[in-house]
Amino acid sequence: LAASICARYSDAKRLPVVEVTAVGKGSEIKIQATPATNGILGSFR
């Protein structure tokens, strides 16, 4: 979900799928994410 929200606010937001990098706990993860819709943003904001 975080990757989807990150993609939504990036300059890649119009792409159907965005690769988001997540770094934490000593590792790096690549997540394929669909940019979040306004509905998703509103439900968690």
ModelCIF file with pLDDT and N, C-alpha, C, O atoms, coordinates in Angstrom:
data_MODEL
#
_entry.id   MODEL 
#
_entity.id                         1 
_entity.type                       polymer 
_entity.pdbx_number_of_molecules   1 
#
_entity_poly.entity_id                      1 
_entity_poly.type                           'polypeptide(L)' 
_entity_poly.nstd_linkage                   no 
_entity_poly.nstd_monomer                   no 
_entity_poly.pdbx_seq_one_letter_code       LAASICARYSDAKRLPVVEVTAVGKGSEIKIQATPATNGILGSFR 
_entity_poly.pdbx_seq_one_letter_code_can   LAASICARYSDAKRLPVVEVTAVGKGSEIKIQATPATNGILGSFR 
_entity_poly.pdbx_strand_id                 A 
#
loop_
_entity_poly_seq.entity_id 
_entity_poly_seq.num 
_entity_poly_seq.mon_id 
_entity_poly_seq.hetero 
1 1  LEU n 
1 2  ALA n 
1 3  ALA n 
1 4  SER n 
1 5  ILE n 
1 6  CYS n 
1 7  ALA n 
1 8  ARG n 
1 9  TYR n 
1 10 SER n 
1 11 ASP n 
1 12 ALA n 
1 13 LYS n 
1 14 ARG n 
1 15 LEU n 
1 16 PRO n 
1 17 VAL n 
1 18 VAL n 
1 19 GLU n 
1 20 VAL n 
1 21 THR n 
1 22 ALA n 
1 23 VAL n 
1 24 GLY n 
1 25 LYS n 
1 26 GLY n 
1 27 SER n 
1 28 GLU n 
1 29 ILE n 
1 30 LYS n 
1 31 ILE n 
1 32 GLN n 
1 33 ALA n 
1 34 THR n 
1 35 PRO n 
1 36 ALA n 
1 37 THR n 
1 38 ASN n 
1 39 GLY n 
1 40 ILE n 
1 41 LEU n 
1 42 GLY n 
1 43 SER n 
1 44 PHE n 
1 45 ARG n 
#
_struct_asym.id          A 
_struct_asym.entity_id   1 
#
loop_
_ma_qa_metric.id 
_ma_qa_metric.mode 
_ma_qa_metric.name 
_ma_qa_metric.software_group_id 
_ma_qa_metric.type 
1 global pLDDT . pLDDT 
2 local  pLDDT . pLDDT 
#
_ma_qa_metric_global.metric_id      1 
_ma_qa_metric_global.metric_value   94.71 
_ma_qa_metric_global.model_id       1 
_ma_qa_metric_global.ordinal_id     1 
#
loop_
_ma_qa_metric_local.label_asym_id 
_ma_qa_metric_local.label_comp_id 
_ma_qa_metric_local.label_seq_id 
_ma_qa_metric_local.metric_id 
_ma_qa_metric_local.metric_value 
_ma_qa_metric_local.model_id 
_ma_qa_metric_local.ordinal_id 
A LEU 1  2 94.00 1 1  
A ALA 2  2 95.00 1 2  
A ALA 3  2 96.00 1 3  
A SER 4  2 97.00 1 4  
A ILE 5  2 97.00 1 5  
A CYS 6  2 97.00 1 6  
A ALA 7  2 98.00 1 7  
A ARG 8  2 97.00 1 8  
A TYR 9  2 98.00 1 9  
A SER 10 2 97.00 1 10 
A ASP 11 2 97.00 1 11 
A ALA 12 2 97.00 1 12 
A LYS 13 2 96.00 1 13 
A ARG 14 2 97.00 1 14 
A LEU 15 2 97.00 1 15 
A PRO 16 2 97.00 1 16 
A VAL 17 2 97.00 1 17 
A VAL 18 2 97.00 1 18 
A GLU 19 2 97.00 1 19 
A VAL 20 2 97.00 1 20 
A THR 21 2 96.00 1 21 
A ALA 22 2 94.00 1 22 
A VAL 23 2 93.00 1 23 
A GLY 24 2 87.00 1 24 
A LYS 25 2 81.00 1 25 
A GLY 26 2 82.00 1 26 
A SER 27 2 86.00 1 27 
A GLU 28 2 91.00 1 28 
A ILE 29 2 90.00 1 29 
A LYS 30 2 94.00 1 30 
A ILE 31 2 94.00 1 31 
A GLN 32 2 96.00 1 32 
A ALA 33 2 96.00 1 33 
A THR 34 2 97.00 1 34 
A PRO 35 2 98.00 1 35 
A ALA 36 2 97.00 1 36 
A THR 37 2 96.00 1 37 
A ASN 38 2 95.00 1 38 
A GLY 39 2 95.00 1 39 
A ILE 40 2 95.00 1 40 
A LEU 41 2 96.00 1 41 
A GLY 42 2 93.00 1 42 
A SER 43 2 94.00 1 43 
A PHE 44 2 95.00 1 44 
A ARG 45 2 96.00 1 45 
#
loop_
_atom_site.group_PDB 
_atom_site.id 
_atom_site.type_symbol 
_atom_site.label_atom_id 
_atom_site.label_alt_id 
_atom_site.label_comp_id 
_atom_site.label_asym_id 
_atom_site.label_entity_id 
_atom_site.label_seq_id 
_atom_site.pdbx_PDB_ins_code 
_atom_site.Cartn_x 
_atom_site.Cartn_y 
_atom_site.Cartn_z 
_atom_site.occupancy 
_atom_site.B_iso_or_equiv 
_atom_site.pdbx_formal_charge 
_atom_site.auth_seq_id 
_atom_site.auth_comp_id 
_atom_site.auth_asym_id 
_atom_site.auth_atom_id 
_atom_site.pdbx_PDB_model_num 
ATOM 1   N N  . LEU A 1 1  ? 0.837   -1.198 0.000   1.00 94.00 ? 1  LEU A N  1 
ATOM 2   C CA . LEU A 1 1  ? 0.000   0.000  0.000   1.00 94.00 ? 1  LEU A CA 1 
ATOM 3   C C  . LEU A 1 1  ? 0.875   1.253  0.000   1.00 94.00 ? 1  LEU A C  1 
ATOM 4   O O  . LEU A 1 1  ? 0.590   2.220  -0.706  1.00 94.00 ? 1  LEU A O  1 
ATOM 5   N N  . ALA A 1 2  ? 1.936   1.225  0.794   1.00 95.00 ? 2  ALA A N  1 
ATOM 6   C CA . ALA A 1 2  ? 2.853   2.363  0.822   1.00 95.00 ? 2  ALA A CA 1 
ATOM 7   C C  . ALA A 1 2  ? 3.483   2.590  -0.548  1.00 95.00 ? 2  ALA A C  1 
ATOM 8   O O  . ALA A 1 2  ? 3.639   3.731  -0.982  1.00 95.00 ? 2  ALA A O  1 
ATOM 9   N N  . ALA A 1 3  ? 3.840   1.520  -1.218  1.00 96.00 ? 3  ALA A N  1 
ATOM 10  C CA . ALA A 1 3  ? 4.419   1.633  -2.557  1.00 96.00 ? 3  ALA A CA 1 
ATOM 11  C C  . ALA A 1 3  ? 3.416   2.227  -3.530  1.00 96.00 ? 3  ALA A C  1 
ATOM 12  O O  . ALA A 1 3  ? 3.775   3.051  -4.372  1.00 96.00 ? 3  ALA A O  1 
ATOM 13  N N  . SER A 1 4  ? 2.176   1.817  -3.419  1.00 97.00 ? 4  SER A N  1 
ATOM 14  C CA . SER A 1 4  ? 1.119   2.342  -4.292  1.00 97.00 ? 4  SER A CA 1 
ATOM 15  C C  . SER A 1 4  ? 0.905   3.839  -4.068  1.00 97.00 ? 4  SER A C  1 
ATOM 16  O O  . SER A 1 4  ? 0.726   4.600  -5.019  1.00 97.00 ? 4  SER A O  1 
ATOM 17  N N  . ILE A 1 5  ? 0.926   4.248  -2.807  1.00 97.00 ? 5  ILE A N  1 
ATOM 18  C CA . ILE A 1 5  ? 0.751   5.673  -2.482  1.00 97.00 ? 5  ILE A CA 1 
ATOM 19  C C  . ILE A 1 5  ? 1.968   6.469  -2.928  1.00 97.00 ? 5  ILE A C  1 
ATOM 20  O O  . ILE A 1 5  ? 1.828   7.573  -3.454  1.00 97.00 ? 5  ILE A O  1 
ATOM 21  N N  . CYS A 1 6  ? 3.154   5.920  -2.722  1.00 97.00 ? 6  CYS A N  1 
ATOM 22  C CA . CYS A 1 6  ? 4.374   6.587  -3.161  1.00 97.00 ? 6  CYS A CA 1 
ATOM 23  C C  . CYS A 1 6  ? 4.348   6.800  -4.670  1.00 97.00 ? 6  CYS A C  1 
ATOM 24  O O  . CYS A 1 6  ? 4.690   7.878  -5.156  1.00 97.00 ? 6  CYS A O  1 
ATOM 25  N N  . ALA A 1 7  ? 3.944   5.771  -5.408  1.00 98.00 ? 7  ALA A N  1 
ATOM 26  C CA . ALA A 1 7  ? 3.866   5.871  -6.868  1.00 98.00 ? 7  ALA A CA 1 
ATOM 27  C C  . ALA A 1 7  ? 2.871   6.945  -7.285  1.00 98.00 ? 7  ALA A C  1 
ATOM 28  O O  . ALA A 1 7  ? 3.102   7.678  -8.247  1.00 98.00 ? 7  ALA A O  1 
ATOM 29  N N  . ARG A 1 8  ? 1.770   7.033  -6.559  1.00 97.00 ? 8  ARG A N  1 
ATOM 30  C CA . ARG A 1 8  ? 0.718   7.993  -6.886  1.00 97.00 ? 8  ARG A CA 1 
ATOM 31  C C  . ARG A 1 8  ? 1.213   9.435  -6.800  1.00 97.00 ? 8  ARG A C  1 
ATOM 32  O O  . ARG A 1 8  ? 0.779   10.281 -7.582  1.00 97.00 ? 8  ARG A O  1 
ATOM 33  N N  . TYR A 1 9  ? 2.109   9.725  -5.870  1.00 98.00 ? 9  TYR A N  1 
ATOM 34  C CA . TYR A 1 9  ? 2.598   11.087 -5.694  1.00 98.00 ? 9  TYR A CA 1 
ATOM 35  C C  . TYR A 1 9  ? 3.915   11.342 -6.432  1.00 98.00 ? 9  TYR A C  1 
ATOM 36  O O  . TYR A 1 9  ? 4.490   12.423 -6.305  1.00 98.00 ? 9  TYR A O  1 
ATOM 37  N N  . SER A 1 10 ? 4.394   10.372 -7.191  1.00 97.00 ? 10 SER A N  1 
ATOM 38  C CA . SER A 1 10 ? 5.625   10.539 -7.955  1.00 97.00 ? 10 SER A CA 1 
ATOM 39  C C  . SER A 1 10 ? 5.319   11.027 -9.366  1.00 97.00 ? 10 SER A C  1 
ATOM 40  O O  . SER A 1 10 ? 4.158   11.082 -9.771  1.00 97.00 ? 10 SER A O  1 
ATOM 41  N N  . ASP A 1 11 ? 6.353   11.377 -10.105 1.00 97.00 ? 11 ASP A N  1 
ATOM 42  C CA . ASP A 1 11 ? 6.177   11.801 -11.492 1.00 97.00 ? 11 ASP A CA 1 
ATOM 43  C C  . ASP A 1 11 ? 5.838   10.631 -12.413 1.00 97.00 ? 11 ASP A C  1 
ATOM 44  O O  . ASP A 1 11 ? 5.559   10.826 -13.596 1.00 97.00 ? 11 ASP A O  1 
ATOM 45  N N  . ALA A 1 12 ? 5.865   9.419  -11.867 1.00 97.00 ? 12 ALA A N  1 
ATOM 46  C CA . ALA A 1 12 ? 5.498   8.230  -12.650 1.00 97.00 ? 12 ALA A CA 1 
ATOM 47  C C  . ALA A 1 12 ? 4.038   7.836  -12.440 1.00 97.00 ? 12 ALA A C  1 
ATOM 48  O O  . ALA A 1 12 ? 3.644   6.727  -12.801 1.00 97.00 ? 12 ALA A O  1 
ATOM 49  N N  . LYS A 1 13 ? 3.242   8.713  -11.869 1.00 96.00 ? 13 LYS A N  1 
ATOM 50  C CA . LYS A 1 13 ? 1.880   8.367  -11.458 1.00 96.00 ? 13 LYS A CA 1 
ATOM 51  C C  . LYS A 1 13 ? 0.960   7.982  -12.610 1.00 96.00 ? 13 LYS A C  1 
ATOM 52  O O  . LYS A 1 13 ? -0.061  7.332  -12.385 1.00 96.00 ? 13 LYS A O  1 
ATOM 53  N N  . ARG A 1 14 ? 1.303   8.374  -13.856 1.00 97.00 ? 14 ARG A N  1 
ATOM 54  C CA . ARG A 1 14 ? 0.440   8.040  -14.988 1.00 97.00 ? 14 ARG A CA 1 
ATOM 55  C C  . ARG A 1 14 ? 0.773   6.692  -15.616 1.00 97.00 ? 14 ARG A C  1 
ATOM 56  O O  . ARG A 1 14 ? 0.070   6.235  -16.517 1.00 97.00 ? 14 ARG A O  1 
ATOM 57  N N  . LEU A 1 15 ? 1.826   6.063  -15.150 1.00 97.00 ? 15 LEU A N  1 
ATOM 58  C CA . LEU A 1 15 ? 2.168   4.731  -15.654 1.00 97.00 ? 15 LEU A CA 1 
ATOM 59  C C  . LEU A 1 15 ? 1.238   3.695  -15.031 1.00 97.00 ? 15 LEU A C  1 
ATOM 60  O O  . LEU A 1 15 ? 0.807   3.850  -13.889 1.00 97.00 ? 15 LEU A O  1 
ATOM 61  N N  . PRO A 1 16 ? 0.929   2.637  -15.783 1.00 97.00 ? 16 PRO A N  1 
ATOM 62  C CA . PRO A 1 16 ? 0.035   1.602  -15.231 1.00 97.00 ? 16 PRO A CA 1 
ATOM 63  C C  . PRO A 1 16 ? 0.668   0.837  -14.066 1.00 97.00 ? 16 PRO A C  1 
ATOM 64  O O  . PRO A 1 16 ? -0.021  0.442  -13.125 1.00 97.00 ? 16 PRO A O  1 
ATOM 65  N N  . VAL A 1 17 ? 1.998   0.630  -14.138 1.00 97.00 ? 17 VAL A N  1 
ATOM 66  C CA . VAL A 1 17 ? 2.723   -0.069 -13.073 1.00 97.00 ? 17 VAL A CA 1 
ATOM 67  C C  . VAL A 1 17 ? 4.045   0.668  -12.839 1.00 97.00 ? 17 VAL A C  1 
ATOM 68  O O  . VAL A 1 17 ? 4.738   1.042  -13.785 1.00 97.00 ? 17 VAL A O  1 
ATOM 69  N N  . VAL A 1 18 ? 4.372   0.864  -11.586 1.00 97.00 ? 18 VAL A N  1 
ATOM 70  C CA . VAL A 1 18 ? 5.575   1.603  -11.217 1.00 97.00 ? 18 VAL A CA 1 
ATOM 71  C C  . VAL A 1 18 ? 6.427   0.736  -10.301 1.00 97.00 ? 18 VAL A C  1 
ATOM 72  O O  . VAL A 1 18 ? 5.915   0.098  -9.381  1.00 97.00 ? 18 VAL A O  1 
ATOM 73  N N  . GLU A 1 19 ? 7.743   0.717  -10.563 1.00 97.00 ? 19 GLU A N  1 
ATOM 74  C CA . GLU A 1 19 ? 8.652   -0.004 -9.672  1.00 97.00 ? 19 GLU A CA 1 
ATOM 75  C C  . GLU A 1 19 ? 9.083   0.919  -8.542  1.00 97.00 ? 19 GLU A C  1 
ATOM 76  O O  . GLU A 1 19 ? 9.696   1.961  -8.777  1.00 97.00 ? 19 GLU A O  1 
ATOM 77  N N  . VAL A 1 20 ? 8.759   0.532  -7.324  1.00 97.00 ? 20 VAL A N  1 
ATOM 78  C CA . VAL A 1 20 ? 9.077   1.328  -6.141  1.00 97.00 ? 20 VAL A CA 1 
ATOM 79  C C  . VAL A 1 20 ? 10.146  0.607  -5.334  1.00 97.00 ? 20 VAL A C  1 
ATOM 80  O O  . VAL A 1 20 ? 10.048  -0.597 -5.096  1.00 97.00 ? 20 VAL A O  1 
ATOM 81  N N  . THR A 1 21 ? 11.158  1.339  -4.917  1.00 96.00 ? 21 THR A N  1 
ATOM 82  C CA . THR A 1 21 ? 12.226  0.779  -4.088  1.00 96.00 ? 21 THR A CA 1 
ATOM 83  C C  . THR A 1 21 ? 11.905  1.016  -2.620  1.00 96.00 ? 21 THR A C  1 
ATOM 84  O O  . THR A 1 21 ? 11.594  2.137  -2.215  1.00 96.00 ? 21 THR A O  1 
ATOM 85  N N  . ALA A 1 22 ? 11.983  -0.044 -1.828  1.00 94.00 ? 22 ALA A N  1 
ATOM 86  C CA . ALA A 1 22 ? 11.759  0.048  -0.382  1.00 94.00 ? 22 ALA A CA 1 
ATOM 87  C C  . ALA A 1 22 ? 13.038  -0.381 0.335   1.00 94.00 ? 22 ALA A C  1 
ATOM 88  O O  . ALA A 1 22 ? 13.533  -1.491 0.141   1.00 94.00 ? 22 ALA A O  1 
ATOM 89  N N  . VAL A 1 23 ? 13.562  0.520  1.169   1.00 93.00 ? 23 VAL A N  1 
ATOM 90  C CA . VAL A 1 23 ? 14.796  0.238  1.899   1.00 93.00 ? 23 VAL A CA 1 
ATOM 91  C C  . VAL A 1 23 ? 14.491  0.230  3.393   1.00 93.00 ? 23 VAL A C  1 
ATOM 92  O O  . VAL A 1 23 ? 13.899  1.170  3.923   1.00 93.00 ? 23 VAL A O  1 
ATOM 93  N N  . GLY A 1 24 ? 14.907  -0.851 4.067   1.00 87.00 ? 24 GLY A N  1 
ATOM 94  C CA . GLY A 1 24 ? 14.673  -0.918 5.501   1.00 87.00 ? 24 GLY A CA 1 
ATOM 95  C C  . GLY A 1 24 ? 15.111  -2.229 6.090   1.00 87.00 ? 24 GLY A C  1 
ATOM 96  O O  . GLY A 1 24 ? 15.115  -3.259 5.417   1.00 87.00 ? 24 GLY A O  1 
ATOM 97  N N  . LYS A 1 25 ? 15.481  -2.185 7.359   1.00 81.00 ? 25 LYS A N  1 
ATOM 98  C CA . LYS A 1 25 ? 15.896  -3.389 8.089   1.00 81.00 ? 25 LYS A CA 1 
ATOM 99  C C  . LYS A 1 25 ? 17.024  -4.126 7.367   1.00 81.00 ? 25 LYS A C  1 
ATOM 100 O O  . LYS A 1 25 ? 17.063  -5.356 7.334   1.00 81.00 ? 25 LYS A O  1 
ATOM 101 N N  . GLY A 1 26 ? 17.934  -3.347 6.795   1.00 82.00 ? 26 GLY A N  1 
ATOM 102 C CA . GLY A 1 26 ? 19.110  -3.936 6.185   1.00 82.00 ? 26 GLY A CA 1 
ATOM 103 C C  . GLY A 1 26 ? 18.905  -4.542 4.816   1.00 82.00 ? 26 GLY A C  1 
ATOM 104 O O  . GLY A 1 26 ? 19.783  -5.245 4.317   1.00 82.00 ? 26 GLY A O  1 
ATOM 105 N N  . SER A 1 27 ? 17.770  -4.287 4.201   1.00 86.00 ? 27 SER A N  1 
ATOM 106 C CA . SER A 1 27 ? 17.514  -4.885 2.888   1.00 86.00 ? 27 SER A CA 1 
ATOM 107 C C  . SER A 1 27 ? 16.895  -3.865 1.948   1.00 86.00 ? 27 SER A C  1 
ATOM 108 O O  . SER A 1 27 ? 16.411  -2.818 2.377   1.00 86.00 ? 27 SER A O  1 
ATOM 109 N N  . GLU A 1 28 ? 16.916  -4.187 0.648   1.00 91.00 ? 28 GLU A N  1 
ATOM 110 C CA . GLU A 1 28 ? 16.293  -3.352 -0.373  1.00 91.00 ? 28 GLU A CA 1 
ATOM 111 C C  . GLU A 1 28 ? 15.342  -4.210 -1.179  1.00 91.00 ? 28 GLU A C  1 
ATOM 112 O O  . GLU A 1 28 ? 15.719  -5.270 -1.678  1.00 91.00 ? 28 GLU A O  1 
ATOM 113 N N  . ILE A 1 29 ? 14.116  -3.753 -1.304  1.00 90.00 ? 29 ILE A N  1 
ATOM 114 C CA . ILE A 1 29 ? 13.074  -4.526 -1.978  1.00 90.00 ? 29 ILE A CA 1 
ATOM 115 C C  . ILE A 1 29 ? 12.541  -3.724 -3.159  1.00 90.00 ? 29 ILE A C  1 
ATOM 116 O O  . ILE A 1 29 ? 12.368  -2.510 -3.056  1.00 90.00 ? 29 ILE A O  1 
ATOM 117 N N  . LYS A 1 30 ? 12.280  -4.389 -4.272  1.00 94.00 ? 30 LYS A N  1 
ATOM 118 C CA . LYS A 1 30 ? 11.641  -3.774 -5.422  1.00 94.00 ? 30 LYS A CA 1 
ATOM 119 C C  . LYS A 1 30 ? 10.184  -4.239 -5.461  1.00 94.00 ? 30 LYS A C  1 
ATOM 120 O O  . LYS A 1 30 ? 9.898   -5.436 -5.477  1.00 94.00 ? 30 LYS A O  1 
ATOM 121 N N  . ILE A 1 31 ? 9.277   -3.271 -5.476  1.00 94.00 ? 31 ILE A N  1 
ATOM 122 C CA . ILE A 1 31 ? 7.841   -3.588 -5.442  1.00 94.00 ? 31 ILE A CA 1 
ATOM 123 C C  . ILE A 1 31 ? 7.184   -3.040 -6.706  1.00 94.00 ? 31 ILE A C  1 
ATOM 124 O O  . ILE A 1 31 ? 7.330   -1.858 -7.017  1.00 94.00 ? 31 ILE A O  1 
ATOM 125 N N  . GLN A 1 32 ? 6.476   -3.875 -7.421  1.00 96.00 ? 32 GLN A N  1 
ATOM 126 C CA . GLN A 1 32 ? 5.711   -3.446 -8.586  1.00 96.00 ? 32 GLN A CA 1 
ATOM 127 C C  . GLN A 1 32 ? 4.343   -2.950 -8.098  1.00 96.00 ? 32 GLN A C  1 
ATOM 128 O O  . GLN A 1 32 ? 3.539   -3.725 -7.579  1.00 96.00 ? 32 GLN A O  1 
ATOM 129 N N  . ALA A 1 33 ? 4.096   -1.655 -8.271  1.00 96.00 ? 33 ALA A N  1 
ATOM 130 C CA . ALA A 1 33 ? 2.891   -1.062 -7.665  1.00 96.00 ? 33 ALA A CA 1 
ATOM 131 C C  . ALA A 1 33 ? 2.062   -0.322 -8.707  1.00 96.00 ? 33 ALA A C  1 
ATOM 132 O O  . ALA A 1 33 ? 2.596   0.291  -9.631  1.00 96.00 ? 33 ALA A O  1 
ATOM 133 N N  . THR A 1 34 ? 0.748   -0.392 -8.538  1.00 97.00 ? 34 THR A N  1 
ATOM 134 C CA . THR A 1 34 ? -0.186  0.421  -9.314  1.00 97.00 ? 34 THR A CA 1 
ATOM 135 C C  . THR A 1 34 ? -0.440  1.707  -8.537  1.00 97.00 ? 34 THR A C  1 
ATOM 136 O O  . THR A 1 34 ? -0.798  1.641  -7.362  1.00 97.00 ? 34 THR A O  1 
ATOM 137 N N  . PRO A 1 35 ? -0.268  2.875  -9.152  1.00 98.00 ? 35 PRO A N  1 
ATOM 138 C CA . PRO A 1 35 ? -0.503  4.126  -8.409  1.00 98.00 ? 35 PRO A CA 1 
ATOM 139 C C  . PRO A 1 35 ? -1.888  4.164  -7.775  1.00 98.00 ? 35 PRO A C  1 
ATOM 140 O O  . PRO A 1 35 ? -2.883  3.826  -8.416  1.00 98.00 ? 35 PRO A O  1 
ATOM 141 N N  . ALA A 1 36 ? -1.943  4.575  -6.521  1.00 97.00 ? 36 ALA A N  1 
ATOM 142 C CA . ALA A 1 36 ? -3.201  4.574  -5.762  1.00 97.00 ? 36 ALA A CA 1 
ATOM 143 C C  . ALA A 1 36 ? -4.214  5.527  -6.381  1.00 97.00 ? 36 ALA A C  1 
ATOM 144 O O  . ALA A 1 36 ? -3.859  6.584  -6.903  1.00 97.00 ? 36 ALA A O  1 
ATOM 145 N N  . THR A 1 37 ? -5.467  5.139  -6.312  1.00 96.00 ? 37 THR A N  1 
ATOM 146 C CA . THR A 1 37 ? -6.558  5.996  -6.774  1.00 96.00 ? 37 THR A CA 1 
ATOM 147 C C  . THR A 1 37 ? -6.919  7.011  -5.702  1.00 96.00 ? 37 THR A C  1 
ATOM 148 O O  . THR A 1 37 ? -6.505  6.879  -4.550  1.00 96.00 ? 37 THR A O  1 
ATOM 149 N N  . ASN A 1 38 ? -7.683  8.014  -6.077  1.00 95.00 ? 38 ASN A N  1 
ATOM 150 C CA . ASN A 1 38 ? -8.144  9.002  -5.096  1.00 95.00 ? 38 ASN A CA 1 
ATOM 151 C C  . ASN A 1 38 ? -8.990  8.348  -4.012  1.00 95.00 ? 38 ASN A C  1 
ATOM 152 O O  . ASN A 1 38 ? -8.955  8.768  -2.855  1.00 95.00 ? 38 ASN A O  1 
ATOM 153 N N  . GLY A 1 39 ? -9.742  7.333  -4.380  1.00 95.00 ? 39 GLY A N  1 
ATOM 154 C CA . GLY A 1 39 ? -10.570 6.622  -3.413  1.00 95.00 ? 39 GLY A CA 1 
ATOM 155 C C  . GLY A 1 39 ? -9.734  5.938  -2.345  1.00 95.00 ? 39 GLY A C  1 
ATOM 156 O O  . GLY A 1 39 ? -10.073 5.976  -1.162  1.00 95.00 ? 39 GLY A O  1 
ATOM 157 N N  . ILE A 1 40 ? -8.640  5.312  -2.762  1.00 95.00 ? 40 ILE A N  1 
ATOM 158 C CA . ILE A 1 40 ? -7.749  4.656  -1.801  1.00 95.00 ? 40 ILE A CA 1 
ATOM 159 C C  . ILE A 1 40 ? -7.095  5.699  -0.893  1.00 95.00 ? 40 ILE A C  1 
ATOM 160 O O  . ILE A 1 40 ? -7.014  5.515  0.321   1.00 95.00 ? 40 ILE A O  1 
ATOM 161 N N  . LEU A 1 41 ? -6.635  6.787  -1.493  1.00 96.00 ? 41 LEU A N  1 
ATOM 162 C CA . LEU A 1 41 ? -6.018  7.834  -0.689  1.00 96.00 ? 41 LEU A CA 1 
ATOM 163 C C  . LEU A 1 41 ? -6.987  8.363  0.363   1.00 96.00 ? 41 LEU A C  1 
ATOM 164 O O  . LEU A 1 41 ? -6.630  8.526  1.529   1.00 96.00 ? 41 LEU A O  1 
ATOM 165 N N  . GLY A 1 42 ? -8.219  8.627  -0.067  1.00 93.00 ? 42 GLY A N  1 
ATOM 166 C CA . GLY A 1 42 ? -9.216  9.167  0.849   1.00 93.00 ? 42 GLY A CA 1 
ATOM 167 C C  . GLY A 1 42 ? -9.578  8.220  1.978   1.00 93.00 ? 42 GLY A C  1 
ATOM 168 O O  . GLY A 1 42 ? -9.889  8.665  3.082   1.00 93.00 ? 42 GLY A O  1 
ATOM 169 N N  . SER A 1 43 ? -9.543  6.928  1.719   1.00 94.00 ? 43 SER A N  1 
ATOM 170 C CA . SER A 1 43 ? -9.960  5.957  2.743   1.00 94.00 ? 43 SER A CA 1 
ATOM 171 C C  . SER A 1 43 ? -8.926  5.785  3.845   1.00 94.00 ? 43 SER A C  1 
ATOM 172 O O  . SER A 1 43 ? -9.260  5.352  4.948   1.00 94.00 ? 43 SER A O  1 
ATOM 173 N N  . PHE A 1 44 ? -7.679  6.118  3.557   1.00 95.00 ? 44 PHE A N  1 
ATOM 174 C CA . PHE A 1 44 ? -6.624  5.949  4.556   1.00 95.00 ? 44 PHE A CA 1 
ATOM 175 C C  . PHE A 1 44 ? -6.062  7.262  5.079   1.00 95.00 ? 44 PHE A C  1 
ATOM 176 O O  . PHE A 1 44 ? -5.343  7.267  6.078   1.00 95.00 ? 44 PHE A O  1 
ATOM 177 N N  . ARG A 1 45 ? -6.375  8.375  4.425   1.00 96.00 ? 45 ARG A N  1 
ATOM 178 C CA . ARG A 1 45 ? -5.767  9.655  4.796   1.00 96.00 ? 45 ARG A CA 1 
ATOM 179 C C  . ARG A 1 45 ? -6.218  10.116 6.183   1.00 96.00 ? 45 ARG A C  1 
ATOM 180 O O  . ARG A 1 45 ? -5.799  11.176 6.647   1.00 96.00 ? 45 ARG A O  1 
#
